[in-house]
Amino acid sequence: MAIASISEKIRDPRSKKRNLVMFLGLILLVAVLFISMIIGTANTSFSDLYNVFVGVQNTESYRILYHIRIPRVLTAMFAGINLAIAGCILQGVLKNPLADPGIIGVSAGAGLAAMVVMIILPEYTNMVPIVAFVGAMIATLILFALAWEDGIQPLKLILAGVAVSAFFAGGMTCLMVFFSDKIQGTVNWMAGGFSGASWKHVTMILPYTIIGLVGVSISSKLLNALQLGDDVAKSLGTRVEATRFFLVTLAALLAASAVSVAGMLTFVGLIVPHMMRLVVGSDFNYLLPSSAIFGGILLIVADTVARTAFSPIEVPVGVFMSFIGAPFFLYLLKRGMQKR
């Protein structure tokens, strides 16, 4: 049976198309990764980048690339991967294409918790990802409590998400008012971006990206089962409520890790899974890895444009993504209302 199933997938033209999309996506990811590393205010080249990899250190280009560009680009890639996977998982669990860690308040919960540590307990900065995860889970639990009515209601979810996001945003504003002398380091962080990203940020987010990529192989099967409905999923041996809790926890962890290094970035988890669903379909065996790949591509490109388009002025990536994501969100919302 297993061999027959594999052979059917190989013959399936949709499978070939999906595999081709992921393969081309990986090539594009590698390409934009290296191109972004050499683009900037200071001129560098691929030969300079090669010299960094072979260990030629006594040059200005080495210092620019190794200490500034490379960690920044890697941090953007990992944050994009994490946010795209988190958004894709939430859309699958909630069966709502409008679900996104930023829109439904998960990122705001993580952001408030992270700000508490950065402003009040700066000596514990290394704990930011864990604390942000706790904040994200608290926001998620509140959201579920508000939106639950014999299951998650899509419209109630969006309205509850707006309320939860506003509540935690109010908490961040209070911190800024009461600790106005300590917020200088968090202003750019709140706008969302990778200015000042270093190898410390890479090591902070990398373990969570690895967890997310490993979780993709597990989550895809579980999400496919949930799409069949609770009764069918249970008949297939899926523990529905435990599965939902695991998937939401994984999404919250990935969103929190991205918030801890990139600040309040929104719409990545909304745009990427939706666009990839149009290309590869709704099978999470392909949708999740494709979203991860193109999430990394999107944030690398967005960060590169944000820091070079108006040089020497740098636009925060969060602002750039808002200009892209807000109209896209309104389009999805209007289309969803027309279908009702």
Protein backbone atom coordinates (compact mmCIF):
# COMPACT_ATOMS: atom_id res chain seq x y z
CA MET A 1 0.00 0.00 0.00
CA ALA A 2 2.77 2.45 0.96
CA ILE A 3 4.70 1.74 -2.25
CA ALA A 4 1.55 2.24 -4.31
CA SER A 5 0.85 5.52 -2.53
CA ILE A 6 4.37 6.79 -3.25
CA SER A 7 4.14 5.81 -6.92
CA GLU A 8 0.80 7.60 -7.23
CA LYS A 9 2.36 10.77 -5.82
CA ILE A 10 5.22 10.54 -8.29
CA ARG A 11 2.78 10.20 -11.19
CA ASP A 12 0.51 12.94 -9.88
CA PRO A 13 1.20 16.09 -11.98
CA ARG A 14 0.24 18.26 -9.00
CA SER A 15 2.95 16.59 -6.94
CA LYS A 16 5.52 17.36 -9.64
CA LYS A 17 4.43 20.99 -9.72
CA ARG A 18 4.58 21.30 -5.94
CA ASN A 19 8.03 19.71 -5.74
CA LEU A 20 9.22 22.02 -8.53
CA VAL A 21 7.91 25.06 -6.64
CA MET A 22 9.79 24.04 -3.50
CA PHE A 23 12.98 23.28 -5.45
CA LEU A 24 12.89 26.62 -7.26
CA GLY A 25 12.03 28.29 -3.96
CA LEU A 26 15.16 26.86 -2.33
CA ILE A 27 17.29 28.09 -5.23
CA LEU A 28 15.69 31.54 -4.96
CA LEU A 29 16.20 31.57 -1.18
CA VAL A 30 19.93 30.86 -1.57
CA ALA A 31 20.18 33.50 -4.31
CA VAL A 32 18.48 36.30 -2.36
CA LEU A 33 20.43 35.28 0.74
CA PHE A 34 23.80 35.95 -0.90
CA ILE A 35 22.65 38.93 -2.97
CA SER A 36 21.23 40.62 0.13
CA MET A 37 24.53 40.15 1.95
CA ILE A 38 26.46 42.22 -0.59
CA ILE A 39 23.83 44.95 -1.14
CA GLY A 40 24.02 47.98 1.10
CA THR A 41 25.30 51.51 1.62
CA ALA A 42 28.90 50.30 1.56
CA ASN A 43 29.92 48.60 -1.66
CA THR A 44 30.86 44.93 -1.36
CA SER A 45 31.08 42.11 -3.89
CA PHE A 46 30.78 38.36 -4.13
CA SER A 47 34.57 38.14 -3.95
CA ASP A 48 34.46 39.99 -0.63
CA LEU A 49 31.82 37.54 0.56
CA TYR A 50 33.95 34.62 -0.57
CA ASN A 51 36.91 36.04 1.36
CA VAL A 52 34.77 36.07 4.51
CA PHE A 53 34.00 32.38 4.10
CA VAL A 54 37.64 31.46 3.53
CA GLY A 55 38.79 33.50 6.53
CA VAL A 56 40.39 36.63 5.05
CA GLN A 57 39.82 39.00 7.98
CA ASN A 58 42.00 42.09 7.67
CA THR A 59 39.70 44.12 5.44
CA GLU A 60 36.94 46.66 5.91
CA SER A 61 34.63 44.51 3.76
CA TYR A 62 35.15 41.59 6.14
CA ARG A 63 34.08 43.67 9.13
CA ILE A 64 31.00 44.97 7.30
CA LEU A 65 29.94 41.56 6.05
CA TYR A 66 30.78 39.39 9.03
CA HIS A 67 29.67 41.69 11.84
CA ILE A 68 26.73 43.47 10.21
CA ARG A 69 25.31 42.09 6.95
CA ILE A 70 25.56 38.30 7.35
CA PRO A 71 23.99 38.07 10.86
CA ARG A 72 21.30 40.56 9.85
CA VAL A 73 20.31 38.61 6.73
CA LEU A 74 20.35 35.28 8.58
CA THR A 75 18.20 36.71 11.38
CA ALA A 76 15.70 38.03 8.81
CA MET A 77 15.58 34.64 7.09
CA PHE A 78 14.99 32.70 10.31
CA ALA A 79 12.34 35.18 11.49
CA GLY A 80 10.54 34.90 8.14
CA ILE A 81 10.61 31.11 8.29
CA ASN A 82 9.24 31.08 11.85
CA LEU A 83 6.47 33.60 11.22
CA ALA A 84 5.35 31.89 8.00
CA ILE A 85 5.19 28.47 9.66
CA ALA A 86 3.33 29.94 12.65
CA GLY A 87 0.79 31.65 10.40
CA CYS A 88 0.30 28.54 8.29
CA ILE A 89 -0.29 26.39 11.39
CA LEU A 90 -2.76 28.86 12.90
CA GLN A 91 -4.69 29.10 9.62
CA GLY A 92 -4.89 25.31 9.51
CA VAL A 93 -5.93 24.86 13.13
CA LEU A 94 -8.49 27.65 13.07
CA LYS A 95 -9.55 26.96 9.45
CA ASN A 96 -9.39 30.68 8.83
CA PRO A 97 -7.19 32.35 6.18
CA LEU A 98 -7.20 35.56 8.25
CA ALA A 99 -5.35 33.97 11.14
CA ASP A 100 -1.89 35.44 11.72
CA PRO A 101 0.19 35.79 14.92
CA GLY A 102 0.19 39.58 14.55
CA ILE A 103 -3.46 40.05 13.69
CA ILE A 104 -4.96 37.81 16.38
CA GLY A 105 -2.81 39.22 19.21
CA VAL A 106 -0.27 36.43 19.70
CA SER A 107 2.63 38.67 18.68
CA ALA A 108 1.36 41.48 20.90
CA GLY A 109 1.32 39.15 23.91
CA ALA A 110 4.86 38.05 23.12
CA GLY A 111 5.88 41.67 22.59
CA LEU A 112 4.58 42.88 25.93
CA ALA A 113 6.33 40.07 27.80
CA ALA A 114 9.56 40.73 25.91
CA MET A 115 9.38 44.47 26.66
CA VAL A 116 8.97 43.79 30.38
CA VAL A 117 12.26 41.90 30.36
CA MET A 118 14.13 44.36 28.13
CA ILE A 119 13.05 47.43 30.12
CA ILE A 120 12.70 46.22 33.71
CA LEU A 121 15.08 43.23 33.78
CA PRO A 122 17.71 43.95 31.07
CA GLU A 123 20.21 41.60 32.73
CA TYR A 124 17.97 38.68 31.71
CA THR A 125 17.86 39.51 27.98
CA ASN A 126 18.88 35.94 27.12
CA MET A 127 15.53 34.83 28.55
CA VAL A 128 13.53 36.99 26.12
CA PRO A 129 12.47 34.13 23.76
CA ILE A 130 11.13 32.03 26.65
CA VAL A 131 9.36 34.96 28.30
CA ALA A 132 7.93 36.02 24.91
CA PHE A 133 6.62 32.47 24.46
CA VAL A 134 4.81 32.68 27.82
CA GLY A 135 3.26 35.99 26.76
CA ALA A 136 2.21 34.50 23.41
CA MET A 137 0.57 31.52 25.12
CA ILE A 138 -1.31 33.78 27.55
CA ALA A 139 -2.61 35.82 24.61
CA THR A 140 -3.61 32.62 22.80
CA LEU A 141 -5.53 31.26 25.79
CA ILE A 142 -7.37 34.57 26.21
CA LEU A 143 -8.18 34.59 22.50
CA PHE A 144 -9.55 31.05 22.59
CA ALA A 145 -11.67 31.86 25.65
CA LEU A 146 -13.18 34.90 23.94
CA ALA A 147 -13.75 33.30 20.52
CA TRP A 148 -14.99 29.87 21.62
CA GLU A 149 -18.66 29.08 21.07
CA ASP A 150 -19.13 25.40 20.25
CA GLY A 151 -15.85 25.71 18.42
CA ILE A 152 -13.82 28.61 17.10
CA GLN A 153 -16.01 31.10 15.24
CA PRO A 154 -14.02 32.89 12.47
CA LEU A 155 -15.64 36.33 12.87
CA LYS A 156 -15.44 36.19 16.66
CA LEU A 157 -11.81 35.15 16.33
CA ILE A 158 -10.91 38.28 14.34
CA LEU A 159 -12.85 40.59 16.67
CA ALA A 160 -11.36 38.93 19.75
CA GLY A 161 -7.92 39.16 18.16
CA VAL A 162 -8.32 42.91 17.63
CA ALA A 163 -9.36 43.30 21.29
CA VAL A 164 -6.50 41.13 22.60
CA SER A 165 -3.96 42.92 20.42
CA ALA A 166 -5.24 46.33 21.58
CA PHE A 167 -5.09 45.22 25.24
CA PHE A 168 -1.46 44.11 25.05
CA ALA A 169 -0.54 47.14 22.91
CA GLY A 170 -1.97 49.26 25.72
CA GLY A 171 0.31 47.42 28.12
CA MET A 172 3.31 48.28 25.96
CA THR A 173 2.24 51.93 25.88
CA CYS A 174 2.03 51.94 29.68
CA LEU A 175 5.59 50.62 29.88
CA MET A 176 6.73 53.41 27.58
CA VAL A 177 5.02 56.03 29.78
CA PHE A 178 6.24 54.73 33.14
CA PHE A 179 9.76 53.89 31.94
CA SER A 180 10.28 56.68 29.41
CA ASP A 181 13.96 56.92 30.36
CA LYS A 182 14.58 53.29 29.37
CA ILE A 183 12.69 52.88 26.11
CA GLN A 184 15.32 54.17 23.68
CA GLY A 185 16.52 50.65 22.89
CA THR A 186 13.00 49.35 22.30
CA VAL A 187 11.59 52.01 19.93
CA ASN A 188 13.05 50.44 16.78
CA TRP A 189 12.21 47.00 18.16
CA MET A 190 8.52 47.98 18.47
CA ALA A 191 8.49 49.19 14.85
CA GLY A 192 9.86 45.79 13.79
CA GLY A 193 13.16 45.36 12.04
CA PHE A 194 16.66 43.97 12.03
CA SER A 195 18.76 47.07 12.57
CA GLY A 196 21.54 46.11 14.95
CA ALA A 197 21.03 42.38 14.49
CA SER A 198 24.15 40.46 15.47
CA TRP A 199 25.35 36.90 15.84
CA LYS A 200 23.72 36.95 19.30
CA HIS A 201 20.32 37.29 17.61
CA VAL A 202 21.16 34.48 15.18
CA THR A 203 21.98 32.12 18.06
CA MET A 204 18.81 33.22 19.89
CA ILE A 205 16.41 32.35 17.07
CA LEU A 206 18.22 29.45 15.34
CA PRO A 207 17.20 26.73 17.87
CA TYR A 208 13.54 27.70 17.49
CA THR A 209 13.79 27.66 13.70
CA ILE A 210 15.21 24.13 13.91
CA ILE A 211 12.31 23.16 16.19
CA GLY A 212 9.90 24.67 13.67
CA LEU A 213 11.43 22.87 10.70
CA VAL A 214 11.37 19.57 12.57
CA GLY A 215 7.79 20.28 13.61
CA VAL A 216 6.79 20.79 9.97
CA SER A 217 7.07 17.08 9.25
CA ILE A 218 4.85 16.27 12.24
CA SER A 219 2.44 19.18 11.87
CA SER A 220 1.64 18.60 8.19
CA LYS A 221 0.06 15.20 8.86
CA LEU A 222 -1.85 16.49 11.88
CA LEU A 223 -3.15 19.56 10.04
CA ASN A 224 -4.27 17.45 7.09
CA ALA A 225 -6.21 15.25 9.50
CA LEU A 226 -7.89 18.26 11.13
CA GLN A 227 -9.06 19.56 7.74
CA LEU A 228 -11.24 16.44 7.38
CA GLY A 229 -13.33 17.44 10.39
CA ASP A 230 -13.20 16.38 14.02
CA ASP A 231 -15.21 13.19 13.58
CA VAL A 232 -13.14 11.89 10.67
CA ALA A 233 -9.90 12.92 12.39
CA LYS A 234 -10.92 10.99 15.51
CA SER A 235 -11.80 7.94 13.44
CA LEU A 236 -8.26 8.07 12.02
CA GLY A 237 -6.86 7.95 15.54
CA THR A 238 -6.09 11.66 15.95
CA ARG A 239 -6.53 13.11 19.43
CA VAL A 240 -8.14 16.29 18.21
CA GLU A 241 -7.94 18.56 21.26
CA ALA A 242 -4.41 17.47 22.17
CA THR A 243 -3.38 17.98 18.55
CA ARG A 244 -4.82 21.50 18.49
CA PHE A 245 -3.03 22.37 21.72
CA PHE A 246 0.29 21.03 20.40
CA LEU A 247 -0.03 22.93 17.11
CA VAL A 248 -1.05 26.20 18.72
CA THR A 249 1.81 25.87 21.22
CA LEU A 250 4.27 25.31 18.37
CA ALA A 251 2.90 28.33 16.48
CA ALA A 252 3.11 30.50 19.60
CA LEU A 253 6.70 29.40 20.22
CA LEU A 254 7.75 30.24 16.65
CA ALA A 255 5.97 33.61 16.67
CA ALA A 256 7.51 34.48 20.05
CA SER A 257 11.02 33.62 18.86
CA ALA A 258 10.60 35.92 15.85
CA VAL A 259 9.22 38.73 18.02
CA SER A 260 12.15 38.42 20.42
CA VAL A 261 14.70 39.24 17.68
CA ALA A 262 12.70 41.24 15.14
CA GLY A 263 10.11 43.10 17.19
CA MET A 264 6.50 43.59 16.18
CA LEU A 265 6.46 42.26 12.62
CA THR A 266 2.98 41.61 11.26
CA PHE A 267 1.36 40.12 8.15
CA VAL A 268 4.20 37.70 7.25
CA GLY A 269 2.18 34.78 8.59
CA LEU A 270 -0.89 36.04 6.72
CA ILE A 271 0.55 36.80 3.28
CA VAL A 272 2.92 33.89 2.70
CA PRO A 273 0.66 30.88 3.52
CA HIS A 274 -2.22 32.40 1.57
CA MET A 275 -0.10 33.01 -1.53
CA MET A 276 1.46 29.56 -1.35
CA ARG A 277 -1.98 27.99 -0.97
CA LEU A 278 -2.85 29.45 -4.38
CA VAL A 279 0.28 27.85 -5.87
CA VAL A 280 0.65 24.45 -4.17
CA GLY A 281 -2.87 23.87 -2.83
CA SER A 282 -4.10 23.06 0.66
CA ASP A 283 -2.09 19.89 1.30
CA PHE A 284 0.03 20.81 4.31
CA ASN A 285 2.71 18.31 3.28
CA TYR A 286 3.59 20.90 0.64
CA LEU A 287 2.03 24.07 2.05
CA LEU A 288 4.07 24.16 5.28
CA PRO A 289 7.55 23.71 3.76
CA SER A 290 6.69 26.04 0.87
CA SER A 291 5.53 28.69 3.33
CA ALA A 292 8.75 28.30 5.33
CA ILE A 293 10.89 28.79 2.21
CA PHE A 294 9.03 31.80 0.86
CA GLY A 295 8.64 33.32 4.33
CA GLY A 296 12.42 33.47 4.53
CA ILE A 297 12.59 34.95 1.02
CA LEU A 298 9.95 37.60 1.79
CA LEU A 299 11.66 38.96 4.90
CA ILE A 300 15.13 38.93 3.34
CA VAL A 301 13.84 40.92 0.36
CA ALA A 302 11.73 43.23 2.55
CA ASP A 303 14.67 43.97 4.84
CA THR A 304 16.99 44.61 1.87
CA VAL A 305 14.52 47.04 0.29
CA ALA A 306 13.81 48.73 3.64
CA ARG A 307 17.49 49.47 4.30
CA THR A 308 18.50 50.45 0.76
CA ALA A 309 15.52 52.05 -1.02
CA PHE A 310 15.78 55.37 0.87
CA SER A 311 19.47 55.18 1.81
CA PRO A 312 20.93 56.60 4.01
CA ILE A 313 17.55 56.59 5.80
CA GLU A 314 16.47 53.11 6.87
CA VAL A 315 12.76 52.27 6.99
CA PRO A 316 11.79 49.75 9.70
CA VAL A 317 10.77 46.45 8.10
CA GLY A 318 7.61 46.41 10.22
CA VAL A 319 6.44 49.64 8.57
CA PHE A 320 7.29 48.26 5.12
CA MET A 321 5.35 45.03 5.80
CA SER A 322 2.36 47.00 7.09
CA PHE A 323 2.09 48.89 3.79
CA ILE A 324 2.05 45.53 1.99
CA GLY A 325 0.01 43.51 4.46
CA ALA A 326 -2.80 45.89 5.44
CA PRO A 327 -4.35 46.12 1.92
CA PHE A 328 -3.91 42.36 1.52
CA PHE A 329 -5.74 41.77 4.83
CA LEU A 330 -8.61 44.06 3.80
CA TYR A 331 -8.87 42.21 0.48
CA LEU A 332 -9.14 38.84 2.24
CA LEU A 333 -11.64 40.24 4.74
CA LYS A 334 -13.84 41.71 2.01
CA ARG A 335 -13.72 38.51 -0.02
CA GLY A 336 -14.61 36.46 3.06
CA MET A 337 -17.60 38.70 3.82
CA GLN A 338 -18.86 38.40 0.22
CA LYS A 339 -18.90 34.62 0.57
CA ARG A 340 -21.12 34.71 3.65
